[in-house]
Amino acid sequence: QMGGCMQESDAKTRRTQRLLEDALVRLMQEKDADRITVAELTREAGISRSTFYLHYTDMRDLLDSITKDVISNLMASIALEEDPELGYRTIYPSLCRFIYEHRPLFNAMLGPHGYRHFRAVMVDRTQTEVKNALDAAGYVTQGIMTSDFVALYISGAIVAVITRATSDDLPFSAETL
């Protein structure tokens, strides 16, 4: 009996989170993330403010929670796959599929009304992963081109491409990205 109640509670929590995330994405089409109020968000989501406060302390808590979950799920979804066109293993197919499946959220969080902290975390996590890959591959520093510097450059480019690819005016599929 108790397990069923917990599953029902988990399902309700996931539904509430999905409603809030979808409402946030819609509101961020017109308004900066840091200017959206709990009242506006809950009205758009069709839930009560008390329900919001059961899960989050404020808007920043919600935005930080979404950021943490998306980045964590993104990193967990990345897998090395053989790319027949390139002739070697790469993470790009799995990365592109995840971004495509979550395109509205990436569009909102990285777009003109986005959450700056989301972008910063994306760059930071990407930079860490790129640096680790460079170091593992035996990258040799050339002048000022340390693995940290090269990783920062590449991670900035990756986030810029994700931002552009998920914008409303550039239709794409996971395969064409």
N, C-alpha and C. Protein backbone atom coordinates (compact mmCIF):
# COMPACT_ATOMS: atom_id res chain seq x y z
N GLN A 1 0.84 -1.20 0.00
CA GLN A 1 0.00 0.00 0.00
C GLN A 1 0.87 1.25 0.00
N MET A 2 1.88 1.27 0.89
CA MET A 2 2.70 2.47 0.99
C MET A 2 3.46 2.75 -0.30
N GLY A 3 3.96 1.70 -0.97
CA GLY A 3 4.67 1.89 -2.23
C GLY A 3 3.81 2.54 -3.28
N GLY A 4 2.52 2.17 -3.33
CA GLY A 4 1.59 2.77 -4.28
C GLY A 4 1.39 4.24 -4.02
N CYS A 5 1.33 4.63 -2.74
CA CYS A 5 1.18 6.04 -2.38
C CYS A 5 2.40 6.84 -2.79
N MET A 6 3.58 6.25 -2.60
CA MET A 6 4.81 6.96 -2.97
C MET A 6 4.91 7.11 -4.48
N GLN A 7 4.51 6.08 -5.23
CA GLN A 7 4.52 6.17 -6.68
C GLN A 7 3.56 7.25 -7.16
N GLU A 8 2.36 7.29 -6.54
CA GLU A 8 1.37 8.30 -6.89
C GLU A 8 1.92 9.69 -6.58
N SER A 9 2.58 9.83 -5.43
CA SER A 9 3.17 11.11 -5.04
C SER A 9 4.28 11.52 -6.01
N ASP A 10 5.13 10.56 -6.41
CA ASP A 10 6.18 10.84 -7.38
C ASP A 10 5.59 11.26 -8.72
N ALA A 11 4.53 10.60 -9.13
CA ALA A 11 3.87 10.94 -10.40
C ALA A 11 3.29 12.35 -10.32
N LYS A 12 2.69 12.71 -9.20
CA LYS A 12 2.15 14.06 -9.03
C LYS A 12 3.26 15.10 -9.04
N THR A 13 4.36 14.78 -8.39
CA THR A 13 5.50 15.70 -8.37
C THR A 13 6.04 15.90 -9.77
N ARG A 14 6.23 14.82 -10.52
CA ARG A 14 6.72 14.94 -11.91
C ARG A 14 5.75 15.74 -12.76
N ARG A 15 4.44 15.51 -12.57
CA ARG A 15 3.42 16.27 -13.33
C ARG A 15 3.51 17.75 -13.00
N THR A 16 3.63 18.09 -11.72
CA THR A 16 3.75 19.49 -11.30
C THR A 16 5.01 20.11 -11.90
N GLN A 17 6.13 19.39 -11.84
CA GLN A 17 7.37 19.91 -12.40
C GLN A 17 7.24 20.14 -13.90
N ARG A 18 6.58 19.21 -14.58
CA ARG A 18 6.39 19.35 -16.03
C ARG A 18 5.50 20.55 -16.36
N LEU A 19 4.41 20.73 -15.59
CA LEU A 19 3.53 21.88 -15.80
C LEU A 19 4.28 23.19 -15.58
N LEU A 20 5.09 23.26 -14.53
CA LEU A 20 5.86 24.47 -14.24
C LEU A 20 6.90 24.72 -15.32
N GLU A 21 7.60 23.68 -15.74
CA GLU A 21 8.62 23.83 -16.78
C GLU A 21 7.99 24.29 -18.09
N ASP A 22 6.88 23.69 -18.48
CA ASP A 22 6.20 24.08 -19.72
C ASP A 22 5.71 25.53 -19.65
N ALA A 23 5.15 25.92 -18.50
CA ALA A 23 4.68 27.29 -18.33
C ALA A 23 5.86 28.27 -18.36
N LEU A 24 6.96 27.89 -17.74
CA LEU A 24 8.15 28.73 -17.74
C LEU A 24 8.66 28.94 -19.16
N VAL A 25 8.71 27.88 -19.93
CA VAL A 25 9.16 27.98 -21.33
C VAL A 25 8.26 28.95 -22.10
N ARG A 26 6.95 28.86 -21.90
CA ARG A 26 6.03 29.77 -22.60
C ARG A 26 6.25 31.22 -22.17
N LEU A 27 6.37 31.45 -20.87
CA LEU A 27 6.55 32.81 -20.36
C LEU A 27 7.88 33.42 -20.81
N MET A 28 8.91 32.58 -20.91
CA MET A 28 10.23 33.08 -21.30
C MET A 28 10.31 33.47 -22.77
N GLN A 29 9.27 33.18 -23.52
CA GLN A 29 9.24 33.65 -24.91
C GLN A 29 9.09 35.17 -24.97
N GLU A 30 8.51 35.75 -23.91
CA GLU A 30 8.21 37.18 -23.88
C GLU A 30 8.89 37.94 -22.75
N LYS A 31 9.38 37.22 -21.74
CA LYS A 31 9.84 37.90 -20.54
C LYS A 31 11.10 37.23 -20.00
N ASP A 32 12.03 38.05 -19.49
CA ASP A 32 13.26 37.53 -18.91
C ASP A 32 12.96 36.60 -17.75
N ALA A 33 13.73 35.53 -17.65
CA ALA A 33 13.53 34.54 -16.59
C ALA A 33 13.54 35.17 -15.21
N ASP A 34 14.45 36.11 -14.99
CA ASP A 34 14.57 36.70 -13.65
C ASP A 34 13.48 37.74 -13.35
N ARG A 35 12.58 37.97 -14.30
CA ARG A 35 11.48 38.91 -14.07
C ARG A 35 10.12 38.20 -13.94
N ILE A 36 10.12 36.90 -14.13
CA ILE A 36 8.88 36.13 -14.01
C ILE A 36 8.61 35.88 -12.53
N THR A 37 7.38 36.13 -12.12
CA THR A 37 7.01 35.95 -10.72
C THR A 37 6.37 34.58 -10.49
N VAL A 38 6.35 34.16 -9.24
CA VAL A 38 5.69 32.91 -8.88
C VAL A 38 4.20 32.99 -9.25
N ALA A 39 3.57 34.13 -9.01
CA ALA A 39 2.15 34.29 -9.33
C ALA A 39 1.91 34.11 -10.83
N GLU A 40 2.74 34.74 -11.67
CA GLU A 40 2.58 34.59 -13.12
C GLU A 40 2.78 33.14 -13.55
N LEU A 41 3.81 32.53 -13.00
CA LEU A 41 4.14 31.16 -13.38
C LEU A 41 3.03 30.19 -12.99
N THR A 42 2.56 30.29 -11.76
CA THR A 42 1.53 29.35 -11.31
C THR A 42 0.21 29.57 -12.05
N ARG A 43 -0.10 30.82 -12.37
CA ARG A 43 -1.30 31.11 -13.16
C ARG A 43 -1.16 30.45 -14.54
N GLU A 44 -0.02 30.62 -15.17
CA GLU A 44 0.23 30.03 -16.49
C GLU A 44 0.20 28.50 -16.44
N ALA A 45 0.72 27.94 -15.35
CA ALA A 45 0.80 26.49 -15.21
C ALA A 45 -0.53 25.88 -14.77
N GLY A 46 -1.43 26.70 -14.24
CA GLY A 46 -2.71 26.20 -13.77
C GLY A 46 -2.61 25.45 -12.45
N ILE A 47 -1.65 25.86 -11.61
CA ILE A 47 -1.52 25.25 -10.28
C ILE A 47 -1.54 26.36 -9.23
N SER A 48 -1.74 25.98 -7.99
CA SER A 48 -1.78 26.98 -6.92
C SER A 48 -0.37 27.37 -6.49
N ARG A 49 -0.27 28.56 -5.91
CA ARG A 49 1.02 29.01 -5.38
C ARG A 49 1.46 28.09 -4.25
N SER A 50 0.53 27.61 -3.45
CA SER A 50 0.91 26.71 -2.35
C SER A 50 1.53 25.42 -2.89
N THR A 51 1.04 24.94 -4.03
CA THR A 51 1.65 23.76 -4.65
C THR A 51 3.08 24.08 -5.09
N PHE A 52 3.27 25.26 -5.67
CA PHE A 52 4.62 25.68 -6.06
C PHE A 52 5.54 25.63 -4.85
N TYR A 53 5.09 26.23 -3.75
CA TYR A 53 5.93 26.33 -2.55
C TYR A 53 6.14 24.99 -1.83
N LEU A 54 5.38 23.98 -2.17
CA LEU A 54 5.66 22.64 -1.65
C LEU A 54 6.95 22.09 -2.25
N HIS A 55 7.28 22.57 -3.46
CA HIS A 55 8.42 22.03 -4.19
C HIS A 55 9.62 22.97 -4.25
N TYR A 56 9.38 24.28 -4.22
CA TYR A 56 10.45 25.26 -4.42
C TYR A 56 10.29 26.42 -3.45
N THR A 57 11.42 27.03 -3.08
CA THR A 57 11.36 28.17 -2.16
C THR A 57 11.04 29.47 -2.89
N ASP A 58 11.49 29.58 -4.15
CA ASP A 58 11.25 30.78 -4.95
C ASP A 58 11.58 30.46 -6.41
N MET A 59 11.49 31.46 -7.28
CA MET A 59 11.76 31.25 -8.70
C MET A 59 13.20 30.81 -8.95
N ARG A 60 14.14 31.39 -8.23
CA ARG A 60 15.55 31.01 -8.41
C ARG A 60 15.75 29.53 -8.09
N ASP A 61 15.08 29.06 -7.04
CA ASP A 61 15.17 27.65 -6.67
C ASP A 61 14.65 26.77 -7.81
N LEU A 62 13.54 27.16 -8.42
CA LEU A 62 13.00 26.43 -9.57
C LEU A 62 13.98 26.45 -10.73
N LEU A 63 14.47 27.63 -11.09
CA LEU A 63 15.40 27.75 -12.21
C LEU A 63 16.68 26.96 -11.97
N ASP A 64 17.20 27.01 -10.75
CA ASP A 64 18.41 26.26 -10.42
C ASP A 64 18.15 24.75 -10.46
N SER A 65 16.96 24.34 -10.02
CA SER A 65 16.59 22.93 -10.05
C SER A 65 16.50 22.43 -11.49
N ILE A 66 15.87 23.21 -12.35
CA ILE A 66 15.78 22.85 -13.78
C ILE A 66 17.17 22.77 -14.38
N THR A 67 18.01 23.75 -14.07
CA THR A 67 19.38 23.77 -14.59
C THR A 67 20.12 22.50 -14.18
N LYS A 68 20.07 22.19 -12.91
CA LYS A 68 20.77 21.01 -12.38
C LYS A 68 20.25 19.74 -13.05
N ASP A 69 18.93 19.60 -13.15
CA ASP A 69 18.34 18.39 -13.74
C ASP A 69 18.69 18.25 -15.22
N VAL A 70 18.58 19.33 -15.97
CA VAL A 70 18.84 19.27 -17.41
C VAL A 70 20.31 18.93 -17.67
N ILE A 71 21.22 19.61 -16.98
CA ILE A 71 22.64 19.35 -17.20
C ILE A 71 22.99 17.93 -16.78
N SER A 72 22.46 17.50 -15.65
CA SER A 72 22.71 16.14 -15.16
C SER A 72 22.19 15.10 -16.16
N ASN A 73 20.96 15.30 -16.65
CA ASN A 73 20.38 14.38 -17.62
C ASN A 73 21.12 14.42 -18.95
N LEU A 74 21.57 15.60 -19.34
CA LEU A 74 22.35 15.73 -20.57
C LEU A 74 23.64 14.92 -20.46
N MET A 75 24.36 15.09 -19.37
CA MET A 75 25.62 14.37 -19.20
C MET A 75 25.38 12.86 -19.13
N ALA A 76 24.29 12.45 -18.48
CA ALA A 76 23.97 11.02 -18.37
C ALA A 76 23.58 10.42 -19.72
N SER A 77 23.06 11.25 -20.62
CA SER A 77 22.59 10.74 -21.92
C SER A 77 23.71 10.60 -22.94
N ILE A 78 24.83 11.24 -22.68
CA ILE A 78 25.93 11.23 -23.63
C ILE A 78 26.60 9.85 -23.65
N ALA A 79 26.76 9.33 -24.84
CA ALA A 79 27.41 8.04 -25.01
C ALA A 79 28.27 8.07 -26.27
N LEU A 80 29.39 7.40 -26.22
CA LEU A 80 30.23 7.28 -27.42
C LEU A 80 29.54 6.33 -28.39
N GLU A 81 29.39 6.78 -29.63
CA GLU A 81 28.77 5.96 -30.67
C GLU A 81 29.65 6.01 -31.91
N GLU A 82 29.65 4.92 -32.64
CA GLU A 82 30.39 4.87 -33.89
C GLU A 82 29.68 5.75 -34.91
N ASP A 83 30.42 6.63 -35.56
CA ASP A 83 29.86 7.49 -36.60
C ASP A 83 30.41 7.01 -37.94
N PRO A 84 29.56 6.39 -38.79
CA PRO A 84 30.06 5.83 -40.05
C PRO A 84 30.63 6.89 -40.99
N GLU A 85 30.08 8.11 -40.96
CA GLU A 85 30.60 9.17 -41.84
C GLU A 85 31.98 9.63 -41.40
N LEU A 86 32.17 9.77 -40.08
CA LEU A 86 33.44 10.24 -39.56
C LEU A 86 34.47 9.11 -39.45
N GLY A 87 33.99 7.89 -39.24
CA GLY A 87 34.88 6.75 -39.13
C GLY A 87 35.48 6.58 -37.74
N TYR A 88 34.91 7.26 -36.74
CA TYR A 88 35.36 7.07 -35.37
C TYR A 88 34.21 7.30 -34.41
N ARG A 89 34.48 7.00 -33.13
CA ARG A 89 33.43 7.13 -32.12
C ARG A 89 33.32 8.58 -31.67
N THR A 90 32.07 9.02 -31.45
CA THR A 90 31.84 10.41 -31.06
C THR A 90 30.62 10.49 -30.15
N ILE A 91 30.52 11.58 -29.41
CA ILE A 91 29.37 11.81 -28.53
C ILE A 91 28.27 12.59 -29.23
N TYR A 92 28.56 13.13 -30.42
CA TYR A 92 27.62 14.06 -31.05
C TYR A 92 26.23 13.50 -31.31
N PRO A 93 26.06 12.26 -31.79
CA PRO A 93 24.69 11.78 -32.01
C PRO A 93 23.84 11.78 -30.74
N SER A 94 24.38 11.29 -29.64
CA SER A 94 23.60 11.25 -28.39
C SER A 94 23.36 12.67 -27.86
N LEU A 95 24.35 13.54 -27.96
CA LEU A 95 24.21 14.92 -27.53
C LEU A 95 23.11 15.62 -28.34
N CYS A 96 23.15 15.45 -29.65
CA CYS A 96 22.16 16.10 -30.52
C CYS A 96 20.75 15.57 -30.28
N ARG A 97 20.62 14.27 -30.06
CA ARG A 97 19.29 13.71 -29.77
C ARG A 97 18.72 14.31 -28.49
N PHE A 98 19.54 14.41 -27.44
CA PHE A 98 19.05 14.96 -26.18
C PHE A 98 18.61 16.42 -26.37
N ILE A 99 19.43 17.20 -27.02
CA ILE A 99 19.11 18.62 -27.24
C ILE A 99 17.84 18.74 -28.08
N TYR A 100 17.72 17.94 -29.11
CA TYR A 100 16.54 17.98 -29.96
C TYR A 100 15.29 17.63 -29.16
N GLU A 101 15.37 16.60 -28.31
CA GLU A 101 14.22 16.17 -27.52
C GLU A 101 13.81 17.23 -26.49
N HIS A 102 14.74 18.10 -26.11
CA HIS A 102 14.47 19.13 -25.11
C HIS A 102 14.63 20.54 -25.71
N ARG A 103 14.41 20.63 -26.99
CA ARG A 103 14.63 21.89 -27.72
C ARG A 103 13.90 23.10 -27.13
N PRO A 104 12.60 23.00 -26.80
CA PRO A 104 11.92 24.19 -26.26
C PRO A 104 12.58 24.70 -24.97
N LEU A 105 13.02 23.78 -24.14
CA LEU A 105 13.66 24.19 -22.89
C LEU A 105 15.01 24.86 -23.16
N PHE A 106 15.83 24.26 -24.04
CA PHE A 106 17.12 24.87 -24.38
C PHE A 106 16.90 26.23 -25.04
N ASN A 107 15.90 26.32 -25.91
CA ASN A 107 15.57 27.58 -26.56
C ASN A 107 15.26 28.65 -25.52
N ALA A 108 14.42 28.31 -24.55
CA ALA A 108 14.03 29.27 -23.52
C ALA A 108 15.21 29.64 -22.62
N MET A 109 15.93 28.64 -22.14
CA MET A 109 16.99 28.88 -21.16
C MET A 109 18.21 29.58 -21.75
N LEU A 110 18.48 29.34 -23.04
CA LEU A 110 19.65 29.94 -23.69
C LEU A 110 19.27 31.14 -24.56
N GLY A 111 17.99 31.35 -24.79
CA GLY A 111 17.53 32.41 -25.69
C GLY A 111 17.63 33.80 -25.08
N PRO A 112 17.06 34.78 -25.77
CA PRO A 112 17.20 36.19 -25.35
C PRO A 112 16.62 36.48 -23.96
N HIS A 113 15.65 35.70 -23.51
CA HIS A 113 15.06 35.91 -22.18
C HIS A 113 15.52 34.82 -21.21
N GLY A 114 16.61 34.15 -21.57
CA GLY A 114 17.07 32.99 -20.82
C GLY A 114 17.62 33.27 -19.43
N TYR A 115 18.02 32.20 -18.80
CA TYR A 115 18.56 32.22 -17.44
C TYR A 115 20.07 32.17 -17.55
N ARG A 116 20.73 33.28 -17.23
CA ARG A 116 22.19 33.39 -17.41
C ARG A 116 22.96 32.28 -16.69
N HIS A 117 22.48 31.89 -15.53
CA HIS A 117 23.16 30.84 -14.77
C HIS A 117 23.16 29.51 -15.55
N PHE A 118 22.08 29.24 -16.29
CA PHE A 118 21.99 28.03 -17.11
C PHE A 118 23.13 28.03 -18.14
N ARG A 119 23.29 29.15 -18.83
CA ARG A 119 24.37 29.25 -19.83
C ARG A 119 25.73 29.06 -19.17
N ALA A 120 25.94 29.69 -18.02
CA ALA A 120 27.22 29.59 -17.33
C ALA A 120 27.52 28.14 -16.93
N VAL A 121 26.50 27.44 -16.43
CA VAL A 121 26.69 26.04 -16.04
C VAL A 121 26.95 25.18 -17.26
N MET A 122 26.24 25.45 -18.36
CA MET A 122 26.48 24.71 -19.61
C MET A 122 27.93 24.87 -20.05
N VAL A 123 28.43 26.11 -20.07
CA VAL A 123 29.81 26.36 -20.50
C VAL A 123 30.77 25.66 -19.54
N ASP A 124 30.53 25.81 -18.24
CA ASP A 124 31.43 25.23 -17.24
C ASP A 124 31.50 23.70 -17.35
N ARG A 125 30.34 23.04 -17.42
CA ARG A 125 30.34 21.58 -17.51
C ARG A 125 30.95 21.10 -18.82
N THR A 126 30.63 21.81 -19.91
CA THR A 126 31.20 21.44 -21.21
C THR A 126 32.71 21.63 -21.20
N GLN A 127 33.16 22.74 -20.61
CA GLN A 127 34.59 23.01 -20.53
C GLN A 127 35.31 21.90 -19.75
N THR A 128 34.72 21.47 -18.65
CA THR A 128 35.33 20.40 -17.85
C THR A 128 35.44 19.12 -18.67
N GLU A 129 34.36 18.76 -19.37
CA GLU A 129 34.37 17.53 -20.17
C GLU A 129 35.38 17.62 -21.32
N VAL A 130 35.44 18.77 -21.99
CA VAL A 130 36.38 18.94 -23.10
C VAL A 130 37.82 18.89 -22.58
N LYS A 131 38.09 19.57 -21.46
CA LYS A 131 39.44 19.55 -20.90
C LYS A 131 39.85 18.13 -20.53
N ASN A 132 38.95 17.39 -19.90
CA ASN A 132 39.25 16.00 -19.55
C ASN A 132 39.57 15.17 -20.79
N ALA A 133 38.81 15.39 -21.86
CA ALA A 133 39.05 14.66 -23.11
C ALA A 133 40.40 15.06 -23.72
N LEU A 134 40.72 16.36 -23.69
CA LEU A 134 42.01 16.82 -24.22
C LEU A 134 43.17 16.23 -23.42
N ASP A 135 43.03 16.27 -22.11
CA ASP A 135 44.09 15.73 -21.25
C ASP A 135 44.25 14.22 -21.46
N ALA A 136 43.13 13.52 -21.58
CA ALA A 136 43.18 12.07 -21.80
C ALA A 136 43.81 11.73 -23.15
N ALA A 137 43.64 12.62 -24.12
CA ALA A 137 44.20 12.40 -25.46
C ALA A 137 45.66 12.84 -25.54
N GLY A 138 46.18 13.39 -24.44
CA GLY A 138 47.59 13.80 -24.42
C GLY A 138 47.84 15.14 -25.09
N TYR A 139 46.88 16.04 -25.01
CA TYR A 139 47.05 17.38 -25.61
C TYR A 139 48.32 18.03 -25.07
N VAL A 140 49.10 18.61 -25.97
CA VAL A 140 50.35 19.27 -25.60
C VAL A 140 50.16 20.79 -25.71
N THR A 141 50.46 21.50 -24.62
CA THR A 141 50.35 22.96 -24.60
C THR A 141 51.29 23.56 -25.63
N GLN A 142 50.75 24.53 -26.38
CA GLN A 142 51.55 25.25 -27.38
C GLN A 142 51.40 26.73 -27.08
N GLY A 143 52.42 27.34 -26.47
CA GLY A 143 52.36 28.75 -26.09
C GLY A 143 51.29 28.95 -25.04
N ILE A 144 50.37 29.89 -25.32
CA ILE A 144 49.29 30.15 -24.36
C ILE A 144 48.12 29.17 -24.51
N MET A 145 48.22 28.31 -25.49
CA MET A 145 47.12 27.39 -25.80
C MET A 145 47.14 26.17 -24.87
N THR A 146 46.88 26.43 -23.59
CA THR A 146 46.78 25.35 -22.60
C THR A 146 45.49 24.57 -22.84
N SER A 147 45.39 23.40 -22.24
CA SER A 147 44.15 22.62 -22.40
C SER A 147 42.97 23.38 -21.78
N ASP A 148 43.22 24.15 -20.71
CA ASP A 148 42.14 24.97 -20.12
C ASP A 148 41.64 25.99 -21.13
N PHE A 149 42.57 26.68 -21.79
CA PHE A 149 42.21 27.72 -22.75
C PHE A 149 41.47 27.13 -23.95
N VAL A 150 41.98 26.05 -24.49
CA VAL A 150 41.36 25.40 -25.65
C VAL A 150 39.97 24.87 -25.26
N ALA A 151 39.86 24.29 -24.07
CA ALA A 151 38.56 23.77 -23.61
C ALA A 151 37.54 24.89 -23.46
N LEU A 152 37.97 26.05 -22.94
CA LEU A 152 37.07 27.19 -22.81
C LEU A 152 36.58 27.64 -24.18
N TYR A 153 37.49 27.72 -25.13
CA TYR A 153 37.16 28.13 -26.49
C TYR A 153 36.15 27.17 -27.12
N ILE A 154 36.43 25.87 -27.02
CA ILE A 154 35.55 24.86 -27.62
C ILE A 154 34.19 24.85 -26.91
N SER A 155 34.18 24.93 -25.59
CA SER A 155 32.91 24.88 -24.86
C SER A 155 32.04 26.08 -25.19
N GLY A 156 32.64 27.25 -25.33
CA GLY A 156 31.88 28.44 -25.72
C GLY A 156 31.26 28.25 -27.10
N ALA A 157 32.02 27.65 -28.00
CA ALA A 157 31.52 27.40 -29.35
C ALA A 157 30.37 26.39 -29.33
N ILE A 158 30.51 25.34 -28.53
CA ILE A 158 29.46 24.32 -28.44
C ILE A 158 28.16 24.94 -27.93
N VAL A 159 28.24 25.73 -26.87
CA VAL A 159 27.04 26.35 -26.31
C VAL A 159 26.45 27.35 -27.31
N ALA A 160 27.29 28.06 -28.05
CA ALA A 160 26.80 28.99 -29.07
C ALA A 160 26.05 28.23 -30.18
N VAL A 161 26.57 27.09 -30.58
CA VAL A 161 25.91 26.29 -31.62
C VAL A 161 24.57 25.74 -31.09
N ILE A 162 24.55 25.28 -29.84
CA ILE A 162 23.30 24.78 -29.25
C ILE A 162 22.27 25.92 -29.19
N THR A 163 22.72 27.11 -28.78
CA THR A 163 21.82 28.26 -28.71
C THR A 163 21.22 28.56 -30.07
N ARG A 164 22.06 28.59 -31.08
CA ARG A 164 21.59 28.90 -32.44
C ARG A 164 20.70 27.80 -32.99
N ALA A 165 21.10 26.56 -32.76
CA ALA A 165 20.36 25.43 -33.32
C ALA A 165 18.98 25.28 -32.69
N THR A 166 18.81 25.75 -31.46
CA THR A 166 17.51 25.61 -30.80
C THR A 166 16.67 26.87 -30.90
N SER A 167 17.17 27.88 -31.61
CA SER A 167 16.38 29.10 -31.78
C SER A 167 15.19 28.82 -32.70
N ASP A 168 14.16 29.62 -32.56
CA ASP A 168 12.92 29.39 -33.30
C ASP A 168 13.07 29.52 -34.81
N ASP A 169 14.03 30.31 -35.25
CA ASP A 169 14.14 30.59 -36.68
C ASP A 169 15.06 29.62 -37.42
N LEU A 170 15.51 28.58 -36.77
CA LEU A 170 16.39 27.62 -37.42
C LEU A 170 15.86 26.20 -37.19
N PRO A 171 15.00 25.75 -38.11
CA PRO A 171 14.47 24.39 -37.93
C PRO A 171 15.58 23.36 -38.13
N PHE A 172 15.62 22.37 -37.29
CA PHE A 172 16.62 21.32 -37.43
C PHE A 172 16.07 20.03 -36.86
N SER A 173 16.72 18.95 -37.23
CA SER A 173 16.41 17.66 -36.66
C SER A 173 17.66 17.19 -35.93
N ALA A 174 17.54 16.17 -35.13
CA ALA A 174 18.69 15.63 -34.42
C ALA A 174 19.76 15.18 -35.40
N GLU A 175 19.35 14.69 -36.56
CA GLU A 175 20.31 14.20 -37.55
C GLU A 175 21.04 15.34 -38.26
N THR A 176 20.37 16.47 -38.50
CA THR A 176 21.03 17.56 -39.24
C THR A 176 21.90 18.44 -38.36
N LEU A 177 21.68 18.40 -37.04
CA LEU A 177 22.52 19.19 -36.15
C LEU A 177 23.94 18.65 -36.17
